[in-house]
């Protein structure tokens, strides 16, 4: 469940990063601000049970890959094969970090 929070947080990261570049209307800025809050809440929440360094690396890696792909798909950024290969290498590192990191059992406070 905590890894799902990281993935959702990374999706919202893509939204707010794109919003920072493309928002012009007040409602677009509102969506950007909401995405920032949701994104960081998800990351912080997940890092309470998972190693912070790994959570942050996965969060930023997925957000970076998502932002690059969104820019190419929706905003006309030129497609370059080398860029796609590098994104795939980045995603391989993110998946590798996730696979070698074990979730710690939650520590309940009595």
C-alpha atoms as a PDB file:
ATOM      1  CA  UNK A   1       0.000   0.000   0.000  1.00  0.00           C
ATOM      2  CA  UNK A   2       2.818   2.419   0.787  1.00  0.00           C
ATOM      3  CA  UNK A   3       4.382   1.907  -2.636  1.00  0.00           C
ATOM      4  CA  UNK A   4       0.996   2.706  -4.207  1.00  0.00           C
ATOM      5  CA  UNK A   5       1.107   6.026  -2.327  1.00  0.00           C
ATOM      6  CA  UNK A   6       4.497   6.758  -3.891  1.00  0.00           C
ATOM      7  CA  UNK A   7       3.200   5.994  -7.396  1.00  0.00           C
ATOM      8  CA  UNK A   8       0.091   8.155  -6.926  1.00  0.00           C
ATOM      9  CA  UNK A   9       2.228  10.942  -5.450  1.00  0.00           C
ATOM     10  CA  UNK A  10       4.516  10.753  -8.496  1.00  0.00           C
ATOM     11  CA  UNK A  11       1.496  11.059 -10.822  1.00  0.00           C
ATOM     12  CA  UNK A  12       0.442  14.212  -8.994  1.00  0.00           C
ATOM     13  CA  UNK A  13       4.034  15.422  -9.257  1.00  0.00           C
ATOM     14  CA  UNK A  14       3.730  15.248 -13.035  1.00  0.00           C
ATOM     15  CA  UNK A  15       0.573  17.367 -12.832  1.00  0.00           C
ATOM     16  CA  UNK A  16       2.121  20.082 -10.682  1.00  0.00           C
ATOM     17  CA  UNK A  17       5.375  20.233 -12.648  1.00  0.00           C
ATOM     18  CA  UNK A  18       3.412  20.679 -15.872  1.00  0.00           C
ATOM     19  CA  UNK A  19       1.203  23.204 -14.069  1.00  0.00           C
ATOM     20  CA  UNK A  20       4.213  25.265 -13.041  1.00  0.00           C
ATOM     21  CA  UNK A  21       5.186  25.573 -16.698  1.00  0.00           C
ATOM     22  CA  UNK A  22       1.812  25.872 -18.417  1.00  0.00           C
ATOM     23  CA  UNK A  23      -0.700  27.302 -15.906  1.00  0.00           C
ATOM     24  CA  UNK A  24      -2.039  30.732 -16.764  1.00  0.00           C
ATOM     25  CA  UNK A  25      -5.638  30.844 -15.528  1.00  0.00           C
ATOM     26  CA  UNK A  26      -6.497  30.962 -11.800  1.00  0.00           C
ATOM     27  CA  UNK A  27      -8.195  27.539 -11.906  1.00  0.00           C
ATOM     28  CA  UNK A  28      -5.055  26.042 -13.478  1.00  0.00           C
ATOM     29  CA  UNK A  29      -2.977  27.453 -10.628  1.00  0.00           C
ATOM     30  CA  UNK A  30      -5.481  26.030  -8.142  1.00  0.00           C
ATOM     31  CA  UNK A  31      -5.106  22.565  -9.717  1.00  0.00           C
ATOM     32  CA  UNK A  32      -1.323  22.982  -9.552  1.00  0.00           C
ATOM     33  CA  UNK A  33      -1.422  23.874  -5.848  1.00  0.00           C
ATOM     34  CA  UNK A  34      -3.752  20.966  -5.053  1.00  0.00           C
ATOM     35  CA  UNK A  35      -1.435  18.610  -6.959  1.00  0.00           C
ATOM     36  CA  UNK A  36       1.552  19.867  -4.933  1.00  0.00           C
ATOM     37  CA  UNK A  37      -0.259  19.218  -1.649  1.00  0.00           C
ATOM     38  CA  UNK A  38      -1.477  15.748  -2.671  1.00  0.00           C
ATOM     39  CA  UNK A  39       1.918  14.828  -4.095  1.00  0.00           C
ATOM     40  CA  UNK A  40       3.897  15.768  -1.011  1.00  0.00           C
ATOM     41  CA  UNK A  41       1.304  14.315   1.364  1.00  0.00           C
ATOM     42  CA  UNK A  42       1.585  10.948  -0.419  1.00  0.00           C
ATOM     43  CA  UNK A  43       5.359  11.003  -0.395  1.00  0.00           C
ATOM     44  CA  UNK A  44       5.588  12.015   3.267  1.00  0.00           C
ATOM     45  CA  UNK A  45       2.970   9.459   4.273  1.00  0.00           C
ATOM     46  CA  UNK A  46       4.805   6.646   2.482  1.00  0.00           C
ATOM     47  CA  UNK A  47       8.149   7.665   3.961  1.00  0.00           C
ATOM     48  CA  UNK A  48       6.836   7.062   7.461  1.00  0.00           C
ATOM     49  CA  UNK A  49       7.022   3.295   6.798  1.00  0.00           C
ATOM     50  CA  UNK A  50       9.547   3.051   3.967  1.00  0.00           C
ATOM     51  CA  UNK A  51      13.152   4.309   3.808  1.00  0.00           C
ATOM     52  CA  UNK A  52      13.101   8.024   3.013  1.00  0.00           C
ATOM     53  CA  UNK A  53      15.958   7.877   0.500  1.00  0.00           C
ATOM     54  CA  UNK A  54      14.314   5.134  -1.518  1.00  0.00           C
ATOM     55  CA  UNK A  55      10.891   6.787  -1.400  1.00  0.00           C
ATOM     56  CA  UNK A  56      12.336  10.078  -2.587  1.00  0.00           C
ATOM     57  CA  UNK A  57      14.364   8.411  -5.362  1.00  0.00           C
ATOM     58  CA  UNK A  58      11.362   6.473  -6.646  1.00  0.00           C
ATOM     59  CA  UNK A  59       9.112   9.546  -6.352  1.00  0.00           C
ATOM     60  CA  UNK A  60      11.488  11.788  -8.300  1.00  0.00           C
ATOM     61  CA  UNK A  61      12.377   9.093 -10.848  1.00  0.00           C
ATOM     62  CA  UNK A  62       8.762   8.314 -11.682  1.00  0.00           C
ATOM     63  CA  UNK A  63       7.887  11.997 -11.718  1.00  0.00           C
ATOM     64  CA  UNK A  64      10.762  12.789 -14.050  1.00  0.00           C
ATOM     65  CA  UNK A  65       9.879   9.963 -16.431  1.00  0.00           C
ATOM     66  CA  UNK A  66       6.207  10.920 -16.370  1.00  0.00           C
ATOM     67  CA  UNK A  67       6.929  14.583 -17.006  1.00  0.00           C
ATOM     68  CA  UNK A  68       9.215  13.819 -19.941  1.00  0.00           C
ATOM     69  CA  UNK A  69       6.646  11.471 -21.487  1.00  0.00           C
ATOM     70  CA  UNK A  70       3.770  13.929 -20.920  1.00  0.00           C
ATOM     71  CA  UNK A  71       5.746  16.737 -22.546  1.00  0.00           C
ATOM     72  CA  UNK A  72       6.370  14.545 -25.611  1.00  0.00           C
ATOM     73  CA  UNK A  73       2.772  13.269 -25.828  1.00  0.00           C
ATOM     74  CA  UNK A  74       0.728  16.395 -25.038  1.00  0.00           C
ATOM     75  CA  UNK A  75       2.977  19.405 -25.521  1.00  0.00           C
ATOM     76  CA  UNK A  76       4.912  18.691 -28.706  1.00  0.00           C
ATOM     77  CA  UNK A  77       8.340  18.070 -27.180  1.00  0.00           C
ATOM     78  CA  UNK A  78      10.374  16.387 -29.933  1.00  0.00           C
ATOM     79  CA  UNK A  79      10.615  12.608 -29.612  1.00  0.00           C
ATOM     80  CA  UNK A  80      14.201  11.418 -29.413  1.00  0.00           C
ATOM     81  CA  UNK A  81      15.114   7.764 -29.182  1.00  0.00           C
ATOM     82  CA  UNK A  82      18.054   8.474 -26.880  1.00  0.00           C
ATOM     83  CA  UNK A  83      15.756  10.343 -24.475  1.00  0.00           C
ATOM     84  CA  UNK A  84      13.389   7.347 -24.400  1.00  0.00           C
ATOM     85  CA  UNK A  85      16.291   4.960 -23.747  1.00  0.00           C
ATOM     86  CA  UNK A  86      17.527   7.133 -20.887  1.00  0.00           C
ATOM     87  CA  UNK A  87      14.022   7.273 -19.371  1.00  0.00           C
ATOM     88  CA  UNK A  88      13.864   3.473 -19.547  1.00  0.00           C
ATOM     89  CA  UNK A  89      17.230   3.234 -17.779  1.00  0.00           C
ATOM     90  CA  UNK A  90      15.923   5.622 -15.113  1.00  0.00           C
ATOM     91  CA  UNK A  91      12.794   3.503 -14.665  1.00  0.00           C
ATOM     92  CA  UNK A  92      14.913   0.355 -14.391  1.00  0.00           C
ATOM     93  CA  UNK A  93      16.817   1.985 -11.533  1.00  0.00           C
ATOM     94  CA  UNK A  94      13.556   3.006  -9.842  1.00  0.00           C
ATOM     95  CA  UNK A  95      12.138  -0.516 -10.124  1.00  0.00           C
ATOM     96  CA  UNK A  96      15.431  -1.934  -8.858  1.00  0.00           C
ATOM     97  CA  UNK A  97      15.330   0.311  -5.782  1.00  0.00           C
ATOM     98  CA  UNK A  98      11.766  -0.746  -5.073  1.00  0.00           C
ATOM     99  CA  UNK A  99      12.631  -4.428  -5.405  1.00  0.00           C
ATOM    100  CA  UNK A 100      15.568  -4.311  -3.002  1.00  0.00           C
ATOM    101  CA  UNK A 101      13.741  -2.250  -0.367  1.00  0.00           C
ATOM    102  CA  UNK A 102      11.640  -4.168   2.096  1.00  0.00           C
ATOM    103  CA  UNK A 103       8.680  -2.659   3.890  1.00  0.00           C
ATOM    104  CA  UNK A 104       9.176  -2.562   7.611  1.00  0.00           C
ATOM    105  CA  UNK A 105       6.292  -3.760   9.740  1.00  0.00           C
ATOM    106  CA  UNK A 106       4.440  -0.779  11.148  1.00  0.00           C
ATOM    107  CA  UNK A 107       5.442   0.130  14.661  1.00  0.00           C
ATOM    108  CA  UNK A 108       2.298   0.741  16.666  1.00  0.00           C
ATOM    109  CA  UNK A 109       2.531   3.122  19.573  1.00  0.00           C
ATOM    110  CA  UNK A 110       0.853   1.655  22.638  1.00  0.00           C
END
